[in-house]
Amino acid sequence: MIDPPFWTGTSIPSFALPPRPIAEAIYYALDQPTGVDLNTPTVRPMGEPV
């Protein structure tokens, strides 16, 4: 779950990630050299409830 700025005023779970770590993970995936296949990246907060 991401905590985007348009959810202002609503109850957001404490484990919601800010947008920046998601953007950094996407950038990392896209920045791989030619010939590298990054398959099924998973981004989740540490301690996320099951």
C-alpha atoms as a PDB file:
ATOM      1  CA  MET A   1       0.000   0.000   0.000  1.00  0.00           C
ATOM      2  CA  ILE A   2       1.277   3.436  -0.943  1.00  0.00           C
ATOM      3  CA  ASP A   3       0.581   6.645   0.967  1.00  0.00           C
ATOM      4  CA  PRO A   4       0.041   9.145  -1.880  1.00  0.00           C
ATOM      5  CA  PRO A   5      -0.692  12.808  -1.118  1.00  0.00           C
ATOM      6  CA  PHE A   6      -4.287  12.592  -2.412  1.00  0.00           C
ATOM      7  CA  TRP A   7      -5.347  10.459   0.600  1.00  0.00           C
ATOM      8  CA  THR A   8      -5.062  13.417   2.941  1.00  0.00           C
ATOM      9  CA  GLY A   9      -7.571  13.255   5.778  1.00  0.00           C
ATOM     10  CA  THR A  10      -8.296   9.525   5.524  1.00  0.00           C
ATOM     11  CA  SER A  11      -7.110   6.762   7.809  1.00  0.00           C
ATOM     12  CA  ILE A  12      -3.947   5.366   6.232  1.00  0.00           C
ATOM     13  CA  PRO A  13      -2.393   2.192   7.711  1.00  0.00           C
ATOM     14  CA  SER A  14       0.934   2.730   9.473  1.00  0.00           C
ATOM     15  CA  PHE A  15       2.629   0.279   7.095  1.00  0.00           C
ATOM     16  CA  ALA A  16       1.746   2.272   3.952  1.00  0.00           C
ATOM     17  CA  LEU A  17       4.884   3.207   2.018  1.00  0.00           C
ATOM     18  CA  PRO A  18       5.600   6.738   0.865  1.00  0.00           C
ATOM     19  CA  PRO A  19       5.822   7.095  -2.945  1.00  0.00           C
ATOM     20  CA  ARG A  20       9.604   7.620  -3.071  1.00  0.00           C
ATOM     21  CA  PRO A  21      10.700   4.017  -2.231  1.00  0.00           C
ATOM     22  CA  ILE A  22       8.316   2.708  -4.896  1.00  0.00           C
ATOM     23  CA  ALA A  23       9.717   5.147  -7.461  1.00  0.00           C
ATOM     24  CA  GLU A  24      13.279   4.151  -6.521  1.00  0.00           C
ATOM     25  CA  ALA A  25      12.458   0.447  -6.944  1.00  0.00           C
ATOM     26  CA  ILE A  26      10.944   1.099 -10.375  1.00  0.00           C
ATOM     27  CA  TYR A  27      13.953   3.200 -11.380  1.00  0.00           C
ATOM     28  CA  TYR A  28      16.275   0.387 -10.254  1.00  0.00           C
ATOM     29  CA  ALA A  29      14.364  -2.123 -12.389  1.00  0.00           C
ATOM     30  CA  LEU A  30      14.435   0.133 -15.451  1.00  0.00           C
ATOM     31  CA  ASP A  31      18.107   1.060 -15.008  1.00  0.00           C
ATOM     32  CA  GLN A  32      19.468  -2.469 -15.489  1.00  0.00           C
ATOM     33  CA  PRO A  33      21.917  -3.005 -18.342  1.00  0.00           C
ATOM     34  CA  THR A  34      20.854  -4.496 -21.654  1.00  0.00           C
ATOM     35  CA  GLY A  35      20.501  -8.246 -21.381  1.00  0.00           C
ATOM     36  CA  VAL A  36      19.450  -8.231 -17.717  1.00  0.00           C
ATOM     37  CA  ASP A  37      15.934  -9.494 -16.992  1.00  0.00           C
ATOM     38  CA  LEU A  38      14.531  -8.391 -13.655  1.00  0.00           C
ATOM     39  CA  ASN A  39      11.511 -10.642 -13.226  1.00  0.00           C
ATOM     40  CA  THR A  40       8.604 -10.044 -10.808  1.00  0.00           C
ATOM     41  CA  PRO A  41       9.906  -7.411  -8.406  1.00  0.00           C
ATOM     42  CA  THR A  42       8.100  -7.266  -5.066  1.00  0.00           C
ATOM     43  CA  VAL A  43       8.163  -4.118  -2.971  1.00  0.00           C
ATOM     44  CA  ARG A  44       6.641  -4.218   0.497  1.00  0.00           C
ATOM     45  CA  PRO A  45       7.228  -2.509   3.816  1.00  0.00           C
ATOM     46  CA  MET A  46       9.222  -4.333   6.461  1.00  0.00           C
ATOM     47  CA  GLY A  47       6.938  -5.708   9.141  1.00  0.00           C
ATOM     48  CA  GLU A  48       3.845  -5.703   6.896  1.00  0.00           C
ATOM     49  CA  PRO A  49       1.045  -7.706   8.500  1.00  0.00           C
ATOM     50  CA  VAL A  50       0.291 -11.034   6.806  1.00  0.00           C
END
